[in-house]
Amino acid sequence: MNPDSVIGKTISDIQGTTHSQRIGEQCQAVLDSGKPLYNIHHEDEGEEEKIIRSGYIPLQEIPVSSLPPQTPGVLVVEQDISEVYHERERRLSTQKQLVETLVHLVDKRDPFAANHSLLVSQIANQIAVDMELDSVTVETTRTAASLMNIGKIVVPTELLTKTEQLTDDEKTVIRSSLDAAADLLGKVAFDGPVSETLKEWQERWNGSGPMGLKGENILITARIIAVANAFIGMISPRSWRNAMSIEAANKFLLDNAGSYFDQRVVVALIHYVDNQSGREWIKNIIKNYRNVA
């Protein structure tokens, strides 16, 4: 529209009643707070869904000569990002299918640790959500945890299926396979630092890990996976040992918070286990293990 033809008209004259109500409410919120506001909303137009990104920027004075001086207002900018949004959704869906396929492949080769990475992924995701991390960080945590054992595809099957205690050399082979996971996925374009997380999750809070990273220098996604992996490993039975009790696992994590583990992550996990639905979730894990046995 010609700018001159807009002056003097209401929002509903330009955008219609439905859109004008939404825009009016957002503009009033910006005028009241004096702060910019950005959001994304969906609009259904028949069979087509539009994704609109909106920005509302407060103005101390609207630069229109016919208005009284010092008339405040809001600059509204809307952009149709439907194509970009839907393309991203398709890419994420493809990545998710790839992750599930790779995890299934590893589980078939390592029956004694089947579902381990899935369980770590589930509880790591819960920790990230409870810590109120942003959506990309939560998704990175979940994805990296799912793929943490992907390096085992290069480990000999006879080693993965061994029922006796592993020798030191065999443990070294397993640890090396965990490092290989980051290299295998290094060129996959995830939204967050999945590959970097896989490189760092074996680091320790006090800097005694393999790379020597310490404290906040370790990605939060890696710190979460370190706690989740330790917890799932302790409460899960293995061919050479029984499962540890929840109380014993919690004590181990608390005793090593501030040395091996980030204390905030440990507290978030224990809060989930003791104050939310964590214990019921764990009971189902143990029940499933017994049914398999």
Protein backbone atom coordinates (compact mmCIF):
# COMPACT_ATOMS: atom_id res chain seq x y z
CA MET A 1 0.00 0.00 0.00
CA ASN A 2 1.05 3.60 -0.60
CA PRO A 3 2.28 5.03 2.74
CA ASP A 4 0.03 8.09 2.41
CA SER A 5 -3.04 5.86 2.02
CA VAL A 6 -2.38 4.21 5.39
CA ILE A 7 -2.34 7.41 7.47
CA GLY A 8 -5.53 7.88 9.46
CA LYS A 9 -6.73 4.29 9.07
CA THR A 10 -7.18 1.78 11.89
CA ILE A 11 -5.33 -1.52 12.10
CA SER A 12 -8.55 -3.41 11.26
CA ASP A 13 -8.93 -1.33 8.08
CA ILE A 14 -5.55 -2.63 6.92
CA GLN A 15 -5.19 -6.10 8.48
CA GLY A 16 -8.76 -7.20 9.17
CA THR A 17 -10.51 -7.77 12.51
CA THR A 18 -8.77 -11.03 13.53
CA HIS A 19 -5.23 -9.84 12.85
CA SER A 20 -5.87 -6.36 14.22
CA GLN A 21 -6.84 -7.67 17.66
CA ARG A 22 -3.61 -9.65 17.96
CA ILE A 23 -1.48 -6.76 16.69
CA GLY A 24 -3.25 -4.28 18.94
CA GLU A 25 -2.65 -6.39 22.05
CA GLN A 26 1.04 -6.80 21.21
CA CYS A 27 1.45 -3.07 20.50
CA GLN A 28 -0.18 -2.15 23.81
CA ALA A 29 2.14 -4.53 25.66
CA VAL A 30 5.15 -2.88 24.01
CA LEU A 31 3.88 0.63 24.81
CA ASP A 32 3.36 -0.38 28.45
CA SER A 33 6.77 -2.01 28.86
CA GLY A 34 8.79 0.22 26.56
CA LYS A 35 10.68 -2.89 25.39
CA PRO A 36 10.77 -4.59 21.95
CA LEU A 37 8.80 -7.81 21.52
CA TYR A 38 9.43 -10.60 19.03
CA ASN A 39 7.36 -13.72 18.38
CA ILE A 40 6.32 -16.31 15.82
CA HIS A 41 2.71 -17.26 15.18
CA HIS A 42 0.80 -19.58 12.86
CA GLU A 43 -1.98 -18.48 10.52
CA ASP A 44 -4.32 -20.94 8.82
CA GLU A 45 -5.45 -19.88 5.36
CA GLY A 46 -7.54 -22.73 4.05
CA GLU A 47 -5.28 -25.72 3.45
CA GLU A 48 -2.16 -23.57 3.72
CA GLU A 49 -0.49 -22.72 7.03
CA LYS A 50 1.58 -19.57 7.19
CA ILE A 51 4.33 -19.01 9.74
CA ILE A 52 4.77 -15.31 10.51
CA ARG A 53 7.67 -13.81 12.44
CA SER A 54 6.74 -10.48 14.03
CA GLY A 55 8.75 -7.71 15.61
CA TYR A 56 7.30 -4.83 17.67
CA ILE A 57 9.69 -1.94 18.33
CA PRO A 58 8.61 0.97 20.57
CA LEU A 59 9.00 4.49 19.14
CA GLN A 60 9.19 7.60 21.31
CA GLU A 61 7.68 9.60 18.47
CA ILE A 62 5.90 8.55 15.27
CA PRO A 63 7.59 10.43 12.36
CA VAL A 64 4.34 11.63 10.74
CA SER A 65 3.87 15.39 10.37
CA SER A 66 0.08 15.31 10.81
CA LEU A 67 0.34 13.83 14.32
CA PRO A 68 0.91 15.89 17.48
CA PRO A 69 4.56 16.15 18.61
CA GLN A 70 5.90 13.40 20.87
CA THR A 71 3.17 10.93 19.85
CA PRO A 72 4.52 7.49 20.84
CA GLY A 73 3.94 4.44 18.71
CA VAL A 74 5.12 0.99 17.73
CA LEU A 75 6.89 -0.08 14.54
CA VAL A 76 5.46 -3.46 13.49
CA VAL A 77 7.46 -5.67 11.12
CA GLU A 78 6.02 -8.99 9.92
CA GLN A 79 7.81 -11.56 7.75
CA ASP A 80 6.43 -14.73 6.17
CA ILE A 81 8.95 -17.47 7.06
CA SER A 82 6.72 -20.43 6.11
CA GLU A 83 9.09 -21.89 3.52
CA VAL A 84 12.14 -21.65 5.79
CA TYR A 85 10.20 -23.06 8.77
CA HIS A 86 8.77 -26.06 6.92
CA GLU A 87 12.14 -26.85 5.33
CA ARG A 88 13.70 -26.87 8.81
CA GLU A 89 10.94 -29.20 10.07
CA ARG A 90 11.63 -31.61 7.19
CA ARG A 91 15.36 -31.53 7.92
CA LEU A 92 14.82 -32.18 11.64
CA SER A 93 12.46 -35.06 10.84
CA THR A 94 15.09 -36.64 8.58
CA GLN A 95 17.77 -36.19 11.24
CA LYS A 96 15.53 -37.79 13.86
CA GLN A 97 14.96 -40.83 11.64
CA LEU A 98 18.72 -41.08 11.04
CA VAL A 99 19.42 -40.93 14.78
CA GLU A 100 16.83 -43.63 15.53
CA THR A 101 18.29 -45.89 12.82
CA LEU A 102 21.84 -45.51 14.10
CA VAL A 103 20.79 -46.13 17.71
CA HIS A 104 18.88 -49.26 16.67
CA LEU A 105 21.96 -50.50 14.80
CA VAL A 106 24.16 -50.12 17.90
CA ASP A 107 21.57 -51.76 20.16
CA LYS A 108 21.51 -54.83 17.90
CA ARG A 109 25.30 -55.16 18.13
CA ASP A 110 25.46 -54.55 21.90
CA PRO A 111 22.55 -56.48 23.48
CA PHE A 112 23.79 -56.05 27.06
CA ALA A 113 23.64 -52.27 26.77
CA ALA A 114 20.56 -52.16 24.53
CA ASN A 115 18.42 -49.09 25.21
CA HIS A 116 21.14 -47.56 27.41
CA SER A 117 21.60 -44.49 25.22
CA LEU A 118 17.82 -44.14 24.85
CA LEU A 119 17.39 -44.11 28.64
CA VAL A 120 20.25 -41.64 29.05
CA SER A 121 18.63 -39.49 26.36
CA GLN A 122 15.28 -39.50 28.12
CA ILE A 123 16.57 -38.51 31.54
CA ALA A 124 19.08 -36.02 30.09
CA ASN A 125 16.23 -34.37 28.19
CA GLN A 126 14.23 -34.13 31.43
CA ILE A 127 17.16 -32.55 33.27
CA ALA A 128 17.65 -29.97 30.50
CA VAL A 129 13.95 -29.08 30.54
CA ASP A 130 13.89 -28.78 34.35
CA MET A 131 16.95 -26.50 34.19
CA GLU A 132 14.90 -24.29 31.82
CA LEU A 133 17.49 -24.35 29.05
CA ASP A 134 16.55 -23.04 25.61
CA SER A 135 14.94 -25.35 23.06
CA VAL A 136 18.08 -25.80 20.93
CA THR A 137 20.13 -26.79 23.99
CA VAL A 138 17.44 -29.24 25.12
CA GLU A 139 17.31 -30.83 21.66
CA THR A 140 21.12 -30.96 21.47
CA THR A 141 21.24 -32.73 24.84
CA ARG A 142 18.65 -35.29 23.77
CA THR A 143 20.24 -35.96 20.38
CA ALA A 144 23.82 -36.21 21.66
CA ALA A 145 22.77 -38.59 24.43
CA SER A 146 20.99 -40.80 21.89
CA LEU A 147 24.17 -40.98 19.81
CA MET A 148 26.73 -41.28 22.61
CA ASN A 149 27.37 -44.98 21.89
CA ILE A 150 27.36 -44.74 18.10
CA GLY A 151 31.13 -45.31 18.03
CA LYS A 152 30.50 -48.91 19.11
CA ILE A 153 29.74 -49.80 15.51
CA VAL A 154 33.53 -50.07 15.06
CA VAL A 155 34.00 -52.32 18.13
CA PRO A 156 34.27 -56.09 17.50
CA THR A 157 31.04 -57.95 18.26
CA GLU A 158 32.78 -60.50 20.48
CA LEU A 159 33.92 -57.67 22.77
CA LEU A 160 30.45 -56.13 22.98
CA THR A 161 28.87 -59.49 23.83
CA LYS A 162 31.49 -60.56 26.36
CA THR A 163 29.86 -61.66 29.65
CA GLU A 164 33.00 -61.54 31.83
CA GLN A 165 34.58 -58.42 33.33
CA LEU A 166 36.46 -56.42 30.69
CA THR A 167 40.24 -56.20 30.83
CA ASP A 168 41.97 -52.81 30.95
CA ASP A 169 42.87 -53.08 27.25
CA GLU A 170 39.28 -53.93 26.37
CA LYS A 171 38.01 -50.97 28.40
CA THR A 172 40.42 -48.78 26.44
CA VAL A 173 38.90 -50.03 23.18
CA ILE A 174 35.40 -49.17 24.44
CA ARG A 175 36.47 -45.70 25.59
CA SER A 176 38.12 -45.07 22.21
CA SER A 177 34.86 -45.98 20.49
CA LEU A 178 33.08 -43.30 22.52
CA ASP A 179 35.59 -40.74 21.28
CA ALA A 180 34.98 -41.93 17.71
CA ALA A 181 31.30 -40.95 17.95
CA ALA A 182 32.14 -37.25 17.65
CA ASP A 183 34.31 -37.86 14.58
CA LEU A 184 31.63 -39.96 12.87
CA LEU A 185 29.06 -37.17 13.27
CA GLY A 186 31.34 -34.19 12.85
CA LYS A 187 30.04 -33.25 9.40
CA VAL A 188 26.32 -33.67 10.16
CA ALA A 189 24.60 -30.25 10.33
CA PHE A 190 22.73 -30.24 13.65
CA ASP A 191 21.20 -27.03 15.03
CA GLY A 192 23.30 -27.30 18.18
CA PRO A 193 26.80 -28.55 19.11
CA VAL A 194 26.04 -32.28 19.04
CA SER A 195 29.49 -33.36 17.88
CA GLU A 196 31.21 -31.07 20.41
CA THR A 197 29.01 -32.47 23.18
CA LEU A 198 30.06 -36.01 22.26
CA LYS A 199 33.70 -34.93 22.55
CA GLU A 200 33.21 -33.41 25.99
CA TRP A 201 30.75 -35.54 27.94
CA GLN A 202 33.57 -37.62 29.50
CA GLU A 203 35.15 -34.47 30.95
CA ARG A 204 35.04 -33.88 34.71
CA TRP A 205 34.07 -30.71 36.54
CA ASN A 206 37.47 -30.53 38.30
CA GLY A 207 39.40 -30.76 35.03
CA SER A 208 40.64 -34.35 35.48
CA GLY A 209 38.94 -35.63 32.32
CA PRO A 210 40.72 -36.73 29.12
CA MET A 211 40.72 -33.26 27.52
CA GLY A 212 41.39 -31.33 30.71
CA LEU A 213 38.35 -29.07 30.33
CA LYS A 214 37.09 -27.69 33.63
CA GLY A 215 33.88 -26.30 35.11
CA GLU A 216 31.88 -23.94 32.92
CA ASN A 217 34.33 -24.52 30.06
CA ILE A 218 32.58 -27.87 29.54
CA LEU A 219 29.40 -27.55 27.49
CA ILE A 220 26.27 -27.73 29.66
CA THR A 221 24.93 -30.39 27.30
CA ALA A 222 27.99 -32.54 28.01
CA ARG A 223 27.73 -31.96 31.77
CA ILE A 224 24.11 -33.13 31.72
CA ILE A 225 24.91 -36.27 29.74
CA ALA A 226 27.79 -37.11 32.11
CA VAL A 227 25.39 -37.13 35.08
CA ALA A 228 22.58 -38.91 33.22
CA ASN A 229 24.94 -41.60 31.89
CA ALA A 230 26.46 -42.26 35.32
CA PHE A 231 23.01 -42.54 36.90
CA ILE A 232 21.55 -44.87 34.27
CA GLY A 233 24.70 -46.98 34.34
CA MET A 234 24.47 -47.42 38.12
CA ILE A 235 20.77 -48.33 38.31
CA SER A 236 20.96 -50.72 35.34
CA PRO A 237 22.00 -54.37 35.87
CA ARG A 238 24.87 -55.75 33.83
CA SER A 239 26.01 -59.29 33.14
CA TRP A 240 28.79 -59.00 35.75
CA ARG A 241 26.93 -57.07 38.50
CA ASN A 242 23.51 -56.25 39.94
CA ALA A 243 21.85 -52.87 39.63
CA MET A 244 22.63 -50.24 42.27
CA SER A 245 19.76 -48.81 44.33
CA ILE A 246 18.45 -45.33 43.54
CA GLU A 247 19.59 -44.12 46.96
CA ALA A 248 23.13 -45.43 46.40
CA ALA A 249 23.27 -43.89 42.92
CA ASN A 250 22.08 -40.53 44.27
CA LYS A 251 24.69 -40.67 47.04
CA PHE A 252 27.47 -41.36 44.55
CA LEU A 253 26.42 -38.38 42.44
CA LEU A 254 26.18 -36.07 45.47
CA ASP A 255 29.52 -37.27 46.83
CA ASN A 256 31.15 -36.45 43.49
CA ALA A 257 29.30 -33.21 42.76
CA GLY A 258 31.85 -30.44 42.41
CA SER A 259 34.61 -32.90 41.50
CA TYR A 260 33.39 -35.19 38.71
CA PHE A 261 29.97 -33.61 38.10
CA ASP A 262 28.31 -30.20 37.89
CA GLN A 263 26.43 -29.78 41.18
CA ARG A 264 23.49 -27.99 39.53
CA VAL A 265 22.96 -30.89 37.14
CA VAL A 266 23.13 -33.43 39.98
CA VAL A 267 20.55 -31.46 41.97
CA ALA A 268 18.26 -31.26 38.92
CA LEU A 269 18.43 -35.03 38.40
CA ILE A 270 17.77 -35.86 42.05
CA HIS A 271 14.89 -33.37 42.10
CA TYR A 272 13.34 -35.19 39.15
CA VAL A 273 13.87 -38.61 40.74
CA ASP A 274 12.65 -37.70 44.23
CA ASN A 275 10.05 -34.99 43.63
CA GLN A 276 8.58 -35.69 40.21
CA SER A 277 7.80 -38.90 38.31
CA GLY A 278 11.37 -40.19 38.21
CA ARG A 279 10.97 -43.12 40.57
CA GLU A 280 8.00 -44.50 38.65
CA TRP A 281 9.97 -44.14 35.43
CA ILE A 282 12.91 -46.01 36.99
CA LYS A 283 10.64 -48.81 38.26
CA ASN A 284 9.52 -49.40 34.68
CA ILE A 285 13.16 -49.57 33.55
CA ILE A 286 14.00 -52.20 36.15
CA LYS A 287 10.84 -54.15 35.33
CA ASN A 288 11.76 -54.21 31.65
CA TYR A 289 15.26 -55.46 32.47
CA ARG A 290 13.79 -58.29 34.55
CA ASN A 291 11.39 -59.25 31.76
CA VAL A 292 14.28 -59.44 29.30
CA ALA A 293 16.30 -61.55 31.74
